[in-house]
Protein backbone atom coordinates (compact mmCIF):
# COMPACT_ATOMS: atom_id res chain seq x y z
CA UNK A 1 80.94 4.79 178.70
CA UNK A 2 82.68 4.26 175.39
CA UNK A 3 79.56 4.43 173.22
CA UNK A 4 77.90 7.33 175.02
CA UNK A 5 74.66 7.48 176.91
CA UNK A 6 71.53 9.39 177.73
CA UNK A 7 72.29 11.25 180.95
CA UNK A 8 69.79 12.31 183.61
CA UNK A 9 71.14 15.02 185.92
CA UNK A 10 70.08 15.57 189.52
CA UNK A 11 70.92 14.75 193.09
CA UNK A 12 67.88 12.42 193.16
CA UNK A 13 67.43 12.65 196.91
CA UNK A 14 64.52 10.38 197.83
CA UNK A 15 63.79 9.57 194.18
CA UNK A 16 60.31 11.09 194.40
CA UNK A 17 57.68 11.34 191.64
CA UNK A 18 59.42 14.34 190.05
CA UNK A 19 62.67 12.42 189.78
CA UNK A 20 60.79 9.46 188.38
CA UNK A 21 59.27 11.68 185.66
CA UNK A 22 62.77 12.88 184.76
CA UNK A 23 64.06 9.31 184.55
CA UNK A 24 61.05 8.29 182.44
CA UNK A 25 61.92 11.05 179.95
CA UNK A 26 65.49 9.75 179.94
CA UNK A 27 64.30 6.18 179.41
CA UNK A 28 62.23 7.21 176.39
CA UNK A 29 65.21 9.00 174.85
CA UNK A 30 67.56 6.09 175.63
CA UNK A 31 65.20 3.60 174.03
CA UNK A 32 64.77 5.78 170.95
CA UNK A 33 68.53 6.33 170.61
CA UNK A 34 69.40 2.75 171.61
CA UNK A 35 71.77 3.99 174.29
CA UNK A 36 72.16 3.13 177.96
CA UNK A 37 70.56 5.44 180.53
CA UNK A 38 72.98 6.93 183.04
CA UNK A 39 71.93 8.90 186.12
CA UNK A 40 74.37 11.36 187.68
CA UNK A 41 74.45 12.09 191.39
CA UNK A 42 76.91 13.29 194.01
CA UNK A 43 78.31 11.30 196.90
CA UNK A 44 76.80 13.83 199.31
CA UNK A 45 74.37 16.71 199.19
CA UNK A 46 75.65 19.84 197.46
CA UNK A 47 73.66 21.80 200.06
CA UNK A 48 75.35 21.88 203.46
CA UNK A 49 72.02 22.97 204.98
CA UNK A 50 69.93 19.98 203.94
CA UNK A 51 70.29 16.48 205.32
CA UNK A 52 69.94 13.95 202.51
CA UNK A 53 66.87 11.72 202.63
CA UNK A 54 68.81 8.84 201.10
CA UNK A 55 72.29 7.49 201.43
CA UNK A 56 74.37 7.12 198.29
CA UNK A 57 73.77 3.36 198.33
CA UNK A 58 70.00 3.85 198.61
CA UNK A 59 70.01 6.40 195.77
CA UNK A 60 72.01 4.10 193.51
CA UNK A 61 69.62 1.21 194.18
CA UNK A 62 66.52 3.35 193.60
CA UNK A 63 67.94 4.81 190.38
CA UNK A 64 68.68 1.35 189.02
CA UNK A 65 65.23 0.07 190.03
CA UNK A 66 63.75 3.04 188.12
CA UNK A 67 65.59 2.08 184.94
CA UNK A 68 69.09 3.58 185.06
CA UNK A 69 71.60 1.23 183.49
CA UNK A 70 74.39 2.93 185.41
CA UNK A 71 74.86 5.60 188.05
CA UNK A 72 77.77 7.99 187.78
CA UNK A 73 78.78 9.41 191.16
CA UNK A 74 80.87 12.55 191.43
CA UNK A 75 82.57 13.26 194.75
CA UNK A 76 81.31 16.60 196.04
CA UNK A 77 84.69 17.75 197.27
CA UNK A 78 86.32 21.19 197.29
CA UNK A 79 87.37 20.90 193.62
CA UNK A 80 83.83 20.01 192.56
CA UNK A 81 82.30 22.69 194.79
CA UNK A 82 84.43 25.38 193.12
CA UNK A 83 84.06 24.04 189.56
CA UNK A 84 82.53 26.39 186.99
CA UNK A 85 79.55 25.22 185.00
CA UNK A 86 81.69 25.07 181.87
CA UNK A 87 84.28 22.89 183.64
CA UNK A 88 81.61 20.56 185.03
CA UNK A 89 80.10 20.24 181.57
CA UNK A 90 83.43 19.51 179.87
CA UNK A 91 85.11 17.35 182.52
CA UNK A 92 82.13 15.37 183.80
CA UNK A 93 79.37 15.36 181.17
CA UNK A 94 81.55 15.28 178.05
CA UNK A 95 84.83 13.61 179.05
CA UNK A 96 83.90 11.22 181.91
CA UNK A 97 80.32 10.28 181.10
CA UNK A 98 80.41 10.85 177.32
CA UNK A 99 76.77 11.92 177.23
CA UNK A 100 75.10 12.10 173.84
CA UNK A 101 71.80 13.37 175.23
CA UNK A 102 71.14 15.20 178.52
CA UNK A 103 67.88 15.36 180.47
CA UNK A 104 67.37 17.66 183.45
CA UNK A 105 64.63 19.54 185.25
CA UNK A 106 63.84 23.12 184.21
CA UNK A 107 65.05 24.34 187.60
CA UNK A 108 68.36 22.42 187.41
CA UNK A 109 71.37 24.39 188.71
CA UNK A 110 75.01 23.38 188.53
CA UNK A 111 78.54 24.74 188.85
CA UNK A 112 79.96 26.88 191.64
CA UNK A 113 77.16 28.16 193.89
CA UNK A 114 74.61 26.91 191.33
CA UNK A 115 75.63 29.72 189.02
CA UNK A 116 74.57 27.92 185.82
CA UNK A 117 71.04 26.88 184.91
CA UNK A 118 69.25 24.63 182.44
CA UNK A 119 69.37 27.33 179.73
CA UNK A 120 73.16 27.55 180.03
CA UNK A 121 73.39 23.76 179.92
CA UNK A 122 71.19 23.65 176.84
CA UNK A 123 73.50 26.12 175.08
CA UNK A 124 76.61 24.10 176.02
CA UNK A 125 74.97 20.89 174.79
CA UNK A 126 73.90 22.46 171.51
CA UNK A 127 77.42 23.80 170.89
CA UNK A 128 78.90 20.36 171.63
CA UNK A 129 76.40 18.51 169.43
CA UNK A 130 74.72 16.83 172.41
CA UNK A 131 70.95 16.44 172.50
CA UNK A 132 69.13 18.15 175.34
CA UNK A 133 65.74 18.06 177.01
CA UNK A 134 64.23 19.73 180.06
CA UNK A 135 61.42 18.21 182.05
CA UNK A 136 58.89 20.53 183.70
CA UNK A 137 58.37 20.46 187.46
CA UNK A 138 56.11 17.62 188.52
CA UNK A 139 53.14 18.91 190.49
CA UNK A 140 50.64 17.03 192.61
CA UNK A 141 47.53 18.77 193.93
CA UNK A 142 48.99 22.10 192.78
CA UNK A 143 52.25 21.66 194.70
CA UNK A 144 55.67 21.07 193.18
CA UNK A 145 56.99 17.66 194.21
CA UNK A 146 60.44 18.09 195.76
CA UNK A 147 62.72 16.62 198.37
CA UNK A 148 62.20 19.83 200.37
CA UNK A 149 58.43 19.30 200.38
CA UNK A 150 58.96 15.70 201.51
CA UNK A 151 61.29 16.81 204.33
CA UNK A 152 58.70 19.40 205.41
CA UNK A 153 55.90 16.82 205.42
CA UNK A 154 58.02 14.46 207.52
CA UNK A 155 58.94 17.26 209.95
CA UNK A 156 55.24 18.01 210.35
CA UNK A 157 54.51 14.33 210.94
CA UNK A 158 52.50 14.08 207.72
CA UNK A 159 53.71 10.69 206.55
CA UNK A 160 50.71 10.31 204.23
CA UNK A 161 51.68 13.44 202.28
CA UNK A 162 55.35 12.37 202.14
CA UNK A 163 54.29 9.00 200.71
CA UNK A 164 52.07 10.68 198.14
CA UNK A 165 55.01 12.83 196.96
CA UNK A 166 57.36 9.85 196.93
CA UNK A 167 54.94 7.54 195.15
CA UNK A 168 55.75 4.82 197.66
CA UNK A 169 55.93 4.10 201.39
CA UNK A 170 58.28 6.14 203.56
CA UNK A 171 61.17 3.85 204.54
CA UNK A 172 61.11 2.95 208.23
CA UNK A 173 64.57 4.41 208.89
CA UNK A 174 63.40 7.86 207.70
CA UNK A 175 60.90 7.91 210.57
CA UNK A 176 63.63 7.36 213.15
CA UNK A 177 65.69 10.45 212.38
CA UNK A 178 65.04 14.15 212.36
CA UNK A 179 65.04 15.37 208.79
């Protein structure tokens, strides 16, 4: 991205209502700044204990349908897993993606073992002259919308709840596998 972009950070597993709220905040900033909207994800889940709801291809398609002009995918390999928050910020956000504005959730974690949070990212952005915004957790009926909550609903056979959290129908292939 030569000219820079507005960057939304997350794994975006399932692209549920919370993710959509984050992307909507990014879209508003991108429109205001007249920049493309880029969403960042990883090629696989950073958590070895959680099966991803969506494949990389599904995530990329959903992100683009929700307004992302491009999707930047970082391989979650051993180098990435061990990367400090400062290194991730400099090598990925600044050098590769060339973000001029960053949007993330308030509970966003990054870097080795999730050792850096949104406050640390905000400080790094400020020091680098990059705009920054956090989006509060999206709640529905008093519950935080999350991929974990969707997995739990599916495990309990509560497809109606999963669809409410997603904001759309549960894809047929999700019903055929154990989450």
